[in-house]
C-alpha atoms as a PDB file:
ATOM      1  CA  MET A   1     -76.147  -3.521  39.185  1.00  0.00           C
ATOM      2  CA  ARG A   2     -78.170  -1.483  36.708  1.00  0.00           C
ATOM      3  CA  ARG A   3     -80.433   1.389  37.610  1.00  0.00           C
ATOM      4  CA  LEU A   4     -84.009   0.624  36.585  1.00  0.00           C
ATOM      5  CA  ILE A   5     -85.954   3.462  38.240  1.00  0.00           C
ATOM      6  CA  ILE A   6     -85.325   7.061  39.239  1.00  0.00           C
ATOM      7  CA  GLU A   7     -88.216   8.892  40.867  1.00  0.00           C
ATOM      8  CA  MET A   8     -88.086  12.279  42.568  1.00  0.00           C
ATOM      9  CA  GLY A   9     -90.535  14.036  44.815  1.00  0.00           C
ATOM     10  CA  MET A  10     -90.978  16.352  47.724  1.00  0.00           C
ATOM     11  CA  GLY A  11     -92.870  16.329  50.954  1.00  0.00           C
ATOM     12  CA  VAL A  12     -94.018  19.160  53.210  1.00  0.00           C
ATOM     13  CA  ASP A  13     -94.976  19.470  56.863  1.00  0.00           C
ATOM     14  CA  LEU A  14     -96.926  22.716  57.056  1.00  0.00           C
ATOM     15  CA  ARG A  15     -97.455  23.055  60.795  1.00  0.00           C
ATOM     16  CA  GLY A  16     -95.187  20.945  62.924  1.00  0.00           C
ATOM     17  CA  GLY A  17     -91.774  21.394  61.353  1.00  0.00           C
ATOM     18  CA  ASP A  18     -91.362  17.578  61.456  1.00  0.00           C
ATOM     19  CA  LEU A  19     -88.646  16.661  58.952  1.00  0.00           C
ATOM     20  CA  THR A  20     -89.348  12.923  59.185  1.00  0.00           C
ATOM     21  CA  LYS A  21     -93.014  13.558  58.349  1.00  0.00           C
ATOM     22  CA  ALA A  22     -92.004  15.745  55.394  1.00  0.00           C
ATOM     23  CA  ALA A  23     -89.596  13.028  54.163  1.00  0.00           C
ATOM     24  CA  GLU A  24     -92.308  10.384  54.580  1.00  0.00           C
ATOM     25  CA  ARG A  25     -94.680  12.437  52.447  1.00  0.00           C
ATOM     26  CA  GLY A  26     -91.985  12.833  49.803  1.00  0.00           C
ATOM     27  CA  ILE A  27     -91.350   9.083  49.747  1.00  0.00           C
ATOM     28  CA  ARG A  28     -95.086   8.344  49.494  1.00  0.00           C
ATOM     29  CA  SER A  29     -95.289  10.797  46.588  1.00  0.00           C
ATOM     30  CA  CYS A  30     -92.517   8.947  44.778  1.00  0.00           C
ATOM     31  CA  LEU A  31     -93.927   5.494  45.485  1.00  0.00           C
ATOM     32  CA  GLY A  32     -97.335   6.596  44.241  1.00  0.00           C
ATOM     33  CA  HIS A  33     -95.873   7.257  40.790  1.00  0.00           C
ATOM     34  CA  VAL A  34     -94.055   3.945  40.347  1.00  0.00           C
ATOM     35  CA  ALA A  35     -95.592   0.486  39.932  1.00  0.00           C
ATOM     36  CA  LEU A  36     -93.297  -2.294  38.802  1.00  0.00           C
ATOM     37  CA  PRO A  37     -94.570  -5.633  40.096  1.00  0.00           C
ATOM     38  CA  VAL A  38     -91.723  -7.364  38.253  1.00  0.00           C
ATOM     39  CA  LEU A  39     -89.431  -6.299  41.122  1.00  0.00           C
ATOM     40  CA  GLU A  40     -91.092  -8.955  43.283  1.00  0.00           C
ATOM     41  CA  GLN A  41     -89.626 -11.577  40.944  1.00  0.00           C
ATOM     42  CA  ILE A  42     -86.072 -10.201  40.695  1.00  0.00           C
ATOM     43  CA  ASP A  43     -83.726 -11.359  43.430  1.00  0.00           C
ATOM     44  CA  GLY A  44     -81.199  -8.805  44.622  1.00  0.00           C
ATOM     45  CA  ALA A  45     -83.062  -5.570  43.843  1.00  0.00           C
ATOM     46  CA  GLU A  46     -81.683  -2.607  45.810  1.00  0.00           C
ATOM     47  CA  THR A  47     -83.494   0.612  46.616  1.00  0.00           C
ATOM     48  CA  ARG A  48     -81.408   3.711  47.381  1.00  0.00           C
ATOM     49  CA  VAL A  49     -83.179   6.696  48.876  1.00  0.00           C
ATOM     50  CA  THR A  50     -81.582  10.127  49.160  1.00  0.00           C
ATOM     51  CA  ILE A  51     -83.351  12.747  51.250  1.00  0.00           C
ATOM     52  CA  GLY A  52     -82.452  16.422  51.529  1.00  0.00           C
ATOM     53  CA  VAL A  53     -83.627  18.236  54.680  1.00  0.00           C
ATOM     54  CA  ALA A  54     -82.453  21.209  56.715  1.00  0.00           C
ATOM     55  CA  ASP A  55     -81.357  19.093  59.708  1.00  0.00           C
ATOM     56  CA  PRO A  56     -80.398  15.551  58.618  1.00  0.00           C
ATOM     57  CA  SER A  57     -79.811  14.361  62.195  1.00  0.00           C
ATOM     58  CA  SER A  58     -83.497  14.873  63.060  1.00  0.00           C
ATOM     59  CA  VAL A  59     -84.805  12.361  60.494  1.00  0.00           C
ATOM     60  CA  ASP A  60     -85.809   8.877  61.688  1.00  0.00           C
ATOM     61  CA  ALA A  61     -84.479   6.707  58.843  1.00  0.00           C
ATOM     62  CA  ASP A  62     -85.809   3.473  60.389  1.00  0.00           C
ATOM     63  CA  ARG A  63     -89.352   4.853  60.327  1.00  0.00           C
ATOM     64  CA  LEU A  64     -88.899   5.747  56.664  1.00  0.00           C
ATOM     65  CA  ARG A  65     -87.373   2.376  55.754  1.00  0.00           C
ATOM     66  CA  ALA A  66     -90.597   0.705  56.925  1.00  0.00           C
ATOM     67  CA  LEU A  67     -92.490   2.416  54.061  1.00  0.00           C
ATOM     68  CA  PHE A  68     -90.876   0.149  51.473  1.00  0.00           C
ATOM     69  CA  PRO A  69     -92.671  -3.124  50.824  1.00  0.00           C
ATOM     70  CA  LEU A  70     -89.711  -5.220  49.671  1.00  0.00           C
ATOM     71  CA  GLY A  71     -86.040  -5.387  48.837  1.00  0.00           C
ATOM     72  CA  ASP A  72     -82.874  -4.053  50.367  1.00  0.00           C
ATOM     73  CA  VAL A  73     -83.385  -0.347  51.197  1.00  0.00           C
ATOM     74  CA  SER A  74     -80.639   2.117  52.085  1.00  0.00           C
ATOM     75  CA  ILE A  75     -81.448   5.666  53.143  1.00  0.00           C
ATOM     76  CA  THR A  76     -79.039   8.595  53.006  1.00  0.00           C
ATOM     77  CA  VAL A  77     -80.118  11.874  54.577  1.00  0.00           C
ATOM     78  CA  ARG A  78     -78.216  14.993  53.519  1.00  0.00           C
ATOM     79  CA  GLN A  79     -78.307  18.715  54.060  1.00  0.00           C
ATOM     80  CA  GLY A  80     -80.901  20.294  51.782  1.00  0.00           C
ATOM     81  CA  GLY A  81     -84.619  20.913  51.646  1.00  0.00           C
ATOM     82  CA  LEU A  82     -86.220  24.157  52.723  1.00  0.00           C
ATOM     83  CA  VAL A  83     -87.359  25.794  55.942  1.00  0.00           C
ATOM     84  CA  SER A  84     -89.786  28.697  55.790  1.00  0.00           C
ATOM     85  CA  ALA A  85     -91.798  30.064  58.727  1.00  0.00           C
ATOM     86  CA  ASP A  86     -93.528  27.034  60.289  1.00  0.00           C
ATOM     87  CA  HIS A  87     -93.204  24.621  57.385  1.00  0.00           C
ATOM     88  CA  VAL A  88     -90.420  22.405  56.142  1.00  0.00           C
ATOM     89  CA  VAL A  89     -89.809  20.757  52.778  1.00  0.00           C
ATOM     90  CA  ALA A  90     -87.933  17.520  52.145  1.00  0.00           C
ATOM     91  CA  ALA A  91     -86.540  16.641  48.708  1.00  0.00           C
ATOM     92  CA  VAL A  92     -86.525  12.908  47.933  1.00  0.00           C
ATOM     93  CA  ALA A  93     -84.912  10.803  45.208  1.00  0.00           C
ATOM     94  CA  ILE A  94     -85.523   7.070  44.951  1.00  0.00           C
ATOM     95  CA  GLU A  95     -83.405   4.826  42.743  1.00  0.00           C
ATOM     96  CA  VAL A  96     -83.988   1.114  42.217  1.00  0.00           C
ATOM     97  CA  PHE A  97     -81.135  -1.050  41.003  1.00  0.00           C
ATOM     98  CA  VAL A  98     -81.382  -4.619  39.742  1.00  0.00           C
ATOM     99  CA  PRO A  99     -78.652  -7.170  39.031  1.00  0.00           C
ATOM    100  CA  GLU A 100     -77.514  -7.578  35.441  1.00  0.00           C
ATOM    101  CA  GLN A 101     -80.107  -9.686  33.627  1.00  0.00           C
ATOM    102  CA  SER A 102     -79.728 -11.979  30.657  1.00  0.00           C
ATOM    103  CA  GLY A 103     -82.313 -13.515  28.420  1.00  0.00           C
ATOM    104  CA  TRP A 104     -84.702 -10.560  28.291  1.00  0.00           C
ATOM    105  CA  GLN A 105     -84.779  -6.965  27.163  1.00  0.00           C
ATOM    106  CA  LEU A 106     -87.135  -4.015  27.293  1.00  0.00           C
ATOM    107  CA  THR A 107     -88.652  -3.025  23.940  1.00  0.00           C
ATOM    108  CA  THR A 108     -91.144  -0.468  22.692  1.00  0.00           C
ATOM    109  CA  GLY A 109     -93.473  -3.009  21.104  1.00  0.00           C
ATOM    110  CA  PRO A 110     -93.817  -6.539  19.771  1.00  0.00           C
ATOM    111  CA  SER A 111     -91.091  -5.999  17.192  1.00  0.00           C
ATOM    112  CA  VAL A 112     -88.379  -3.359  17.138  1.00  0.00           C
ATOM    113  CA  ASP A 113     -86.473  -2.305  14.050  1.00  0.00           C
ATOM    114  CA  ARG A 114     -83.243  -1.056  15.601  1.00  0.00           C
ATOM    115  CA  SER A 115     -82.083   0.500  12.319  1.00  0.00           C
ATOM    116  CA  GLN A 116     -84.770   3.175  12.737  1.00  0.00           C
ATOM    117  CA  GLN A 117     -83.766   4.234  16.264  1.00  0.00           C
ATOM    118  CA  LEU A 118     -81.982   7.516  16.902  1.00  0.00           C
ATOM    119  CA  GLY A 119     -78.469   7.625  18.271  1.00  0.00           C
END
């Protein structure tokens, strides 16, 4: 598997102290910044979500899993985030992995002169 996407975000619940709601907002923030319709055509894509909150046991991972439109989604909730007065913050990282592909490659334009690339 090769990682194709890494997106990070955060979510906040200002009044209720609901860590699942904060995590949901963080996930929605991440998903709002990524649009790769090609994933619908790649069999075997995996999405791995890592969430940091103050009390991992209070997060409803099944509710969060339902936010993802396709693919195999795993959610790991760890100690982290922030608690301050009445509000809570969840830190979220989403990674999408795809199987090794052959026959295509990502380029920066119609033709790429590899001799001019750095590194």
